[in-house]
N, C-alpha and C. Protein backbone atom coordinates (compact mmCIF):
# COMPACT_ATOMS: atom_id res chain seq x y z
N MET A 1 10.05 13.83 60.58
CA MET A 1 9.38 12.60 60.18
C MET A 1 10.44 11.57 59.83
N THR A 2 10.37 10.40 60.45
CA THR A 2 11.36 9.37 60.19
C THR A 2 10.90 8.49 59.04
N GLU A 3 11.87 7.98 58.32
CA GLU A 3 11.58 7.11 57.19
C GLU A 3 11.49 5.67 57.70
N PRO A 4 10.58 4.87 57.17
CA PRO A 4 10.53 3.46 57.56
C PRO A 4 11.78 2.74 57.07
N ASN A 5 12.20 1.73 57.82
CA ASN A 5 13.39 0.99 57.40
C ASN A 5 13.00 -0.12 56.43
N ALA A 6 14.00 -0.79 55.87
CA ALA A 6 13.76 -1.80 54.84
C ALA A 6 12.91 -2.96 55.37
N ALA A 7 13.15 -3.40 56.59
CA ALA A 7 12.38 -4.51 57.16
C ALA A 7 10.90 -4.12 57.30
N GLU A 8 10.67 -2.90 57.72
CA GLU A 8 9.29 -2.42 57.84
C GLU A 8 8.63 -2.34 56.47
N ASP A 9 9.37 -1.87 55.46
CA ASP A 9 8.84 -1.82 54.09
C ASP A 9 8.46 -3.21 53.60
N GLU A 10 9.32 -4.19 53.87
CA GLU A 10 9.04 -5.57 53.44
C GLU A 10 7.81 -6.12 54.14
N ARG A 11 7.66 -5.82 55.43
CA ARG A 11 6.50 -6.29 56.18
C ARG A 11 5.23 -5.69 55.58
N ARG A 12 5.27 -4.41 55.28
CA ARG A 12 4.10 -3.74 54.70
C ARG A 12 3.81 -4.28 53.31
N ALA A 13 4.85 -4.54 52.53
CA ALA A 13 4.66 -5.06 51.18
C ALA A 13 3.98 -6.42 51.22
N ALA A 14 4.35 -7.24 52.19
CA ALA A 14 3.74 -8.56 52.30
C ALA A 14 2.28 -8.45 52.73
N ALA A 15 1.94 -7.38 53.43
CA ALA A 15 0.58 -7.23 53.96
C ALA A 15 -0.43 -6.81 52.89
N PHE A 16 0.00 -6.09 51.87
CA PHE A 16 -0.93 -5.63 50.85
C PHE A 16 -0.18 -5.25 49.58
N ALA A 17 -0.92 -5.15 48.50
CA ALA A 17 -0.33 -4.68 47.25
C ALA A 17 -0.02 -3.20 47.40
N PHE A 18 0.98 -2.74 46.72
CA PHE A 18 1.34 -1.33 46.80
C PHE A 18 0.20 -0.48 46.26
N ASP A 19 -0.19 0.51 47.05
CA ASP A 19 -1.28 1.42 46.70
C ASP A 19 -0.95 2.77 47.29
N VAL A 20 -0.52 3.69 46.46
CA VAL A 20 -0.08 5.00 46.92
C VAL A 20 -1.19 5.76 47.65
N PHE A 21 -2.44 5.36 47.43
CA PHE A 21 -3.56 6.01 48.11
C PHE A 21 -3.77 5.48 49.52
N ALA A 22 -3.13 4.36 49.86
CA ALA A 22 -3.22 3.79 51.21
C ALA A 22 -2.22 4.51 52.12
N ARG A 23 -2.69 4.95 53.26
CA ARG A 23 -1.89 5.75 54.19
C ARG A 23 -0.54 5.11 54.53
N GLU A 24 -0.51 3.83 54.76
CA GLU A 24 0.71 3.16 55.22
C GLU A 24 1.57 2.59 54.10
N CYS A 25 1.19 2.80 52.87
CA CYS A 25 1.94 2.24 51.76
C CYS A 25 3.31 2.92 51.65
N PRO A 26 4.40 2.14 51.59
CA PRO A 26 5.73 2.73 51.48
C PRO A 26 5.97 3.48 50.17
N SER A 27 5.09 3.26 49.19
CA SER A 27 5.27 3.99 47.93
C SER A 27 5.01 5.49 48.11
N ARG A 28 4.30 5.87 49.17
CA ARG A 28 4.02 7.29 49.39
C ARG A 28 5.30 8.09 49.60
N SER A 29 6.22 7.57 50.40
CA SER A 29 7.45 8.32 50.63
C SER A 29 8.29 8.39 49.35
N VAL A 30 8.26 7.32 48.56
CA VAL A 30 8.99 7.33 47.29
C VAL A 30 8.36 8.36 46.34
N LEU A 31 7.05 8.40 46.28
CA LEU A 31 6.36 9.40 45.46
C LEU A 31 6.77 10.81 45.88
N GLU A 32 6.85 11.03 47.17
CA GLU A 32 7.26 12.34 47.68
C GLU A 32 8.70 12.66 47.26
N HIS A 33 9.60 11.68 47.37
CA HIS A 33 10.99 11.91 46.99
C HIS A 33 11.13 12.23 45.51
N VAL A 34 10.38 11.53 44.68
CA VAL A 34 10.50 11.66 43.22
C VAL A 34 9.77 12.90 42.69
N THR A 35 8.59 13.19 43.24
CA THR A 35 7.79 14.26 42.67
C THR A 35 7.88 15.58 43.42
N GLY A 36 8.59 15.58 44.53
CA GLY A 36 8.82 16.86 45.20
C GLY A 36 9.63 17.76 44.27
N ARG A 37 9.58 19.04 44.52
CA ARG A 37 10.25 19.99 43.63
C ARG A 37 11.69 19.59 43.36
N TRP A 38 12.47 19.34 44.40
CA TRP A 38 13.89 19.08 44.20
C TRP A 38 14.14 17.69 43.64
N GLY A 39 13.38 16.70 44.07
CA GLY A 39 13.57 15.35 43.54
C GLY A 39 13.36 15.27 42.05
N ALA A 40 12.28 15.88 41.59
CA ALA A 40 11.98 15.87 40.15
C ALA A 40 13.06 16.60 39.37
N LEU A 41 13.50 17.74 39.88
CA LEU A 41 14.52 18.52 39.17
C LEU A 41 15.88 17.83 39.18
N VAL A 42 16.22 17.17 40.28
CA VAL A 42 17.50 16.44 40.35
C VAL A 42 17.47 15.28 39.37
N LEU A 43 16.40 14.50 39.37
CA LEU A 43 16.31 13.38 38.44
C LEU A 43 16.37 13.87 36.99
N ALA A 44 15.63 14.90 36.68
CA ALA A 44 15.64 15.44 35.32
C ALA A 44 17.02 16.01 34.99
N GLY A 45 17.65 16.67 35.95
CA GLY A 45 18.97 17.23 35.72
C GLY A 45 20.04 16.16 35.50
N LEU A 46 19.92 15.07 36.21
CA LEU A 46 20.89 13.98 36.03
C LEU A 46 20.64 13.19 34.75
N ARG A 47 19.48 13.37 34.13
CA ARG A 47 19.21 12.65 32.87
C ARG A 47 20.14 13.14 31.77
N LYS A 48 20.67 14.35 31.93
CA LYS A 48 21.63 14.88 30.95
C LYS A 48 22.99 14.22 31.09
N GLY A 49 23.20 13.47 32.17
CA GLY A 49 24.46 12.77 32.37
C GLY A 49 24.95 12.94 33.79
N PRO A 50 25.95 12.14 34.17
CA PRO A 50 26.50 12.21 35.52
C PRO A 50 26.99 13.61 35.85
N ALA A 51 26.95 13.93 37.13
CA ALA A 51 27.39 15.26 37.56
C ALA A 51 27.97 15.18 38.96
N ARG A 52 28.91 16.07 39.22
CA ARG A 52 29.41 16.24 40.58
C ARG A 52 28.45 17.16 41.31
N PHE A 53 28.56 17.20 42.63
CA PHE A 53 27.61 17.91 43.48
C PHE A 53 27.43 19.36 43.04
N ASN A 54 28.52 20.12 42.95
CA ASN A 54 28.40 21.55 42.63
C ASN A 54 27.89 21.78 41.22
N SER A 55 28.25 20.91 40.30
CA SER A 55 27.72 21.02 38.94
C SER A 55 26.21 20.80 38.94
N LEU A 56 25.77 19.81 39.68
CA LEU A 56 24.34 19.53 39.78
C LEU A 56 23.63 20.69 40.48
N ARG A 57 24.27 21.26 41.47
CA ARG A 57 23.66 22.40 42.17
C ARG A 57 23.48 23.58 41.22
N ARG A 58 24.43 23.80 40.33
CA ARG A 58 24.27 24.88 39.34
C ARG A 58 23.19 24.52 38.33
N ARG A 59 23.10 23.24 37.97
CA ARG A 59 22.09 22.78 37.00
C ARG A 59 20.69 22.96 37.55
N VAL A 60 20.52 22.70 38.85
CA VAL A 60 19.21 22.82 39.51
C VAL A 60 19.20 24.16 40.25
N ASP A 61 19.01 25.20 39.51
CA ASP A 61 19.10 26.57 40.03
C ASP A 61 18.14 26.77 41.21
N GLY A 62 18.68 27.31 42.30
CA GLY A 62 17.85 27.65 43.46
C GLY A 62 17.88 26.64 44.58
N VAL A 63 18.40 25.45 44.37
CA VAL A 63 18.44 24.45 45.43
C VAL A 63 19.61 24.77 46.36
N SER A 64 19.37 24.67 47.66
CA SER A 64 20.44 24.90 48.63
C SER A 64 21.30 23.64 48.73
N GLU A 65 22.50 23.80 49.27
CA GLU A 65 23.38 22.64 49.46
C GLU A 65 22.70 21.59 50.33
N LYS A 66 22.07 22.05 51.42
CA LYS A 66 21.41 21.13 52.35
C LYS A 66 20.30 20.34 51.65
N MET A 67 19.45 21.04 50.91
CA MET A 67 18.34 20.36 50.23
C MET A 67 18.84 19.42 49.15
N LEU A 68 19.88 19.82 48.43
CA LEU A 68 20.43 18.94 47.40
C LEU A 68 21.01 17.69 48.03
N ALA A 69 21.75 17.85 49.12
CA ALA A 69 22.33 16.69 49.81
C ALA A 69 21.23 15.75 50.30
N GLN A 70 20.19 16.30 50.92
CA GLN A 70 19.08 15.47 51.42
C GLN A 70 18.35 14.77 50.28
N THR A 71 18.14 15.50 49.20
CA THR A 71 17.44 14.93 48.05
C THR A 71 18.25 13.81 47.43
N LEU A 72 19.54 14.02 47.24
CA LEU A 72 20.40 12.97 46.68
C LEU A 72 20.43 11.74 47.58
N GLN A 73 20.48 11.94 48.89
CA GLN A 73 20.48 10.81 49.82
C GLN A 73 19.19 10.01 49.71
N SER A 74 18.06 10.70 49.65
CA SER A 74 16.77 10.01 49.52
C SER A 74 16.69 9.24 48.21
N LEU A 75 17.09 9.88 47.12
CA LEU A 75 17.01 9.23 45.81
C LEU A 75 18.00 8.07 45.70
N GLU A 76 19.14 8.19 46.36
CA GLU A 76 20.10 7.08 46.38
C GLU A 76 19.53 5.92 47.20
N ARG A 77 18.97 6.22 48.37
CA ARG A 77 18.39 5.19 49.23
C ARG A 77 17.25 4.45 48.51
N ASP A 78 16.48 5.18 47.70
CA ASP A 78 15.36 4.58 46.98
C ASP A 78 15.81 3.85 45.71
N GLY A 79 17.07 3.99 45.32
CA GLY A 79 17.59 3.25 44.17
C GLY A 79 17.53 3.98 42.84
N PHE A 80 17.26 5.29 42.87
CA PHE A 80 17.18 6.06 41.63
C PHE A 80 18.51 6.69 41.23
N VAL A 81 19.36 6.95 42.21
CA VAL A 81 20.63 7.63 41.99
C VAL A 81 21.77 6.76 42.49
N HIS A 82 22.85 6.76 41.72
CA HIS A 82 24.08 6.06 42.11
C HIS A 82 25.12 7.11 42.50
N ARG A 83 25.75 6.90 43.64
CA ARG A 83 26.80 7.80 44.14
C ARG A 83 28.13 7.06 44.02
N GLU A 84 29.07 7.66 43.28
CA GLU A 84 30.38 7.04 43.08
C GLU A 84 31.46 7.95 43.64
N VAL A 85 32.20 7.44 44.64
CA VAL A 85 33.29 8.19 45.22
C VAL A 85 34.56 7.83 44.44
N LEU A 86 35.18 8.83 43.85
CA LEU A 86 36.40 8.60 43.06
C LEU A 86 37.61 8.64 43.98
N ALA A 87 38.51 7.71 43.79
CA ALA A 87 39.69 7.57 44.65
C ALA A 87 40.79 8.52 44.19
N VAL A 88 40.57 9.81 44.39
CA VAL A 88 41.56 10.83 44.07
C VAL A 88 41.65 11.77 45.27
N LEU A 89 42.69 12.57 45.29
CA LEU A 89 42.84 13.56 46.35
C LEU A 89 42.70 14.94 45.76
N PRO A 90 41.84 15.78 46.26
CA PRO A 90 40.83 15.44 47.26
C PRO A 90 39.76 14.54 46.65
N PRO A 91 39.05 13.78 47.51
CA PRO A 91 38.02 12.88 46.99
C PRO A 91 36.96 13.63 46.18
N LYS A 92 36.51 13.01 45.12
CA LYS A 92 35.45 13.57 44.29
C LYS A 92 34.31 12.57 44.24
N VAL A 93 33.10 13.08 44.11
CA VAL A 93 31.91 12.24 44.07
C VAL A 93 31.12 12.57 42.82
N ASN A 94 30.77 11.54 42.07
CA ASN A 94 29.90 11.68 40.90
C ASN A 94 28.54 11.09 41.22
N TYR A 95 27.51 11.74 40.72
CA TYR A 95 26.15 11.23 40.85
C TYR A 95 25.63 10.91 39.46
N SER A 96 24.95 9.77 39.35
CA SER A 96 24.36 9.38 38.07
C SER A 96 23.06 8.64 38.36
N LEU A 97 22.28 8.45 37.32
CA LEU A 97 21.03 7.72 37.46
C LEU A 97 21.25 6.24 37.29
N THR A 98 20.53 5.46 38.06
CA THR A 98 20.47 4.02 37.85
C THR A 98 19.50 3.78 36.69
N PRO A 99 19.42 2.56 36.18
CA PRO A 99 18.42 2.30 35.13
C PRO A 99 16.99 2.68 35.56
N MET A 100 16.64 2.41 36.81
CA MET A 100 15.32 2.81 37.31
C MET A 100 15.21 4.33 37.35
N GLY A 101 16.28 5.01 37.72
CA GLY A 101 16.29 6.47 37.73
C GLY A 101 16.15 7.04 36.34
N GLU A 102 16.80 6.42 35.35
CA GLU A 102 16.69 6.88 33.96
C GLU A 102 15.25 6.77 33.47
N SER A 103 14.64 5.63 33.73
CA SER A 103 13.25 5.42 33.30
C SER A 103 12.32 6.43 33.97
N THR A 104 12.51 6.64 35.25
CA THR A 104 11.68 7.58 35.99
C THR A 104 11.91 9.00 35.48
N ALA A 105 13.16 9.36 35.23
CA ALA A 105 13.48 10.70 34.72
C ALA A 105 12.84 10.92 33.36
N ASP A 106 12.81 9.88 32.53
CA ASP A 106 12.16 10.02 31.22
C ASP A 106 10.69 10.38 31.37
N HIS A 107 10.00 9.73 32.31
CA HIS A 107 8.59 10.05 32.56
C HIS A 107 8.45 11.46 33.11
N LEU A 108 9.33 11.84 34.03
CA LEU A 108 9.27 13.19 34.59
C LEU A 108 9.52 14.24 33.51
N LEU A 109 10.48 13.99 32.64
CA LEU A 109 10.77 14.95 31.57
C LEU A 109 9.58 15.10 30.62
N ALA A 110 8.89 14.01 30.35
CA ALA A 110 7.69 14.10 29.51
C ALA A 110 6.63 14.94 30.21
N PHE A 111 6.48 14.75 31.51
CA PHE A 111 5.53 15.53 32.29
C PHE A 111 5.95 17.00 32.32
N ILE A 112 7.23 17.26 32.52
CA ILE A 112 7.75 18.63 32.53
C ILE A 112 7.50 19.29 31.17
N ASP A 113 7.77 18.58 30.09
CA ASP A 113 7.51 19.11 28.74
C ASP A 113 6.03 19.47 28.59
N HIS A 114 5.16 18.59 29.07
CA HIS A 114 3.72 18.85 29.00
C HIS A 114 3.36 20.11 29.78
N LEU A 115 3.88 20.23 31.01
CA LEU A 115 3.58 21.42 31.81
C LEU A 115 4.07 22.69 31.13
N GLU A 116 5.29 22.64 30.61
CA GLU A 116 5.83 23.83 29.95
C GLU A 116 5.00 24.21 28.73
N SER A 117 4.50 23.21 28.00
CA SER A 117 3.68 23.52 26.81
C SER A 117 2.33 24.12 27.20
N GLN A 118 1.89 23.88 28.42
CA GLN A 118 0.61 24.39 28.89
C GLN A 118 0.71 25.75 29.58
N MET A 119 1.94 26.27 29.72
CA MET A 119 2.11 27.52 30.47
C MET A 119 1.35 28.71 29.90
N PRO A 120 1.24 28.89 28.58
CA PRO A 120 0.42 30.02 28.12
C PRO A 120 -1.02 29.94 28.64
N ALA A 121 -1.61 28.74 28.63
CA ALA A 121 -2.97 28.58 29.13
C ALA A 121 -3.02 28.79 30.64
N VAL A 122 -2.00 28.34 31.36
CA VAL A 122 -1.95 28.53 32.82
C VAL A 122 -1.87 30.02 33.14
N LEU A 123 -0.99 30.72 32.46
CA LEU A 123 -0.85 32.16 32.71
C LEU A 123 -2.13 32.91 32.38
N GLU A 124 -2.80 32.50 31.32
CA GLU A 124 -4.08 33.12 30.97
C GLU A 124 -5.13 32.84 32.05
N ALA A 125 -5.19 31.61 32.53
CA ALA A 125 -6.14 31.26 33.59
C ALA A 125 -5.86 32.08 34.85
N ARG A 126 -4.60 32.24 35.18
CA ARG A 126 -4.24 33.06 36.34
C ARG A 126 -4.68 34.51 36.13
N ARG A 127 -4.45 35.03 34.94
CA ARG A 127 -4.83 36.42 34.64
C ARG A 127 -6.33 36.60 34.82
N ARG A 128 -7.10 35.63 34.27
CA ARG A 128 -8.57 35.71 34.39
C ARG A 128 -8.99 35.63 35.85
N GLN A 129 -8.36 34.77 36.61
CA GLN A 129 -8.71 34.59 38.03
C GLN A 129 -8.42 35.87 38.83
N GLU A 130 -7.35 36.55 38.50
CA GLU A 130 -7.00 37.79 39.20
C GLU A 130 -8.02 38.89 38.92
N GLN A 131 -8.71 38.81 37.79
CA GLN A 131 -9.69 39.83 37.43
C GLN A 131 -11.02 39.64 38.15
N VAL A 132 -11.21 38.48 38.73
CA VAL A 132 -12.48 38.17 39.42
C VAL A 132 -12.54 38.85 40.75
């Protein structure tokens, strides 16, 4: 699936107000990038502070190098993540959140906290469902 380019996004934005429920709304791909498993975990993981690639990969347990690279690229393209290449040998890259990324990560962390607090009830519901 190809991503729409910036000119296409601008054309769509001019055509209607952003509505994630509308099929052609460019906010849908952003929602997918932010709320997908890896996007949410990367944003939440970077809220603790800037990180290099391998450090972030350890922080987000279970993500493959390929998925982390793709996720970081999407989040950088959308303006949530800043990628800084340090002028040292060998080159090093730091990833950090932009102000928009920080705000979004704060909302995600609140949602994550809510989900974690509900896990006893979720596990109980699953147990009851398995008995049916």
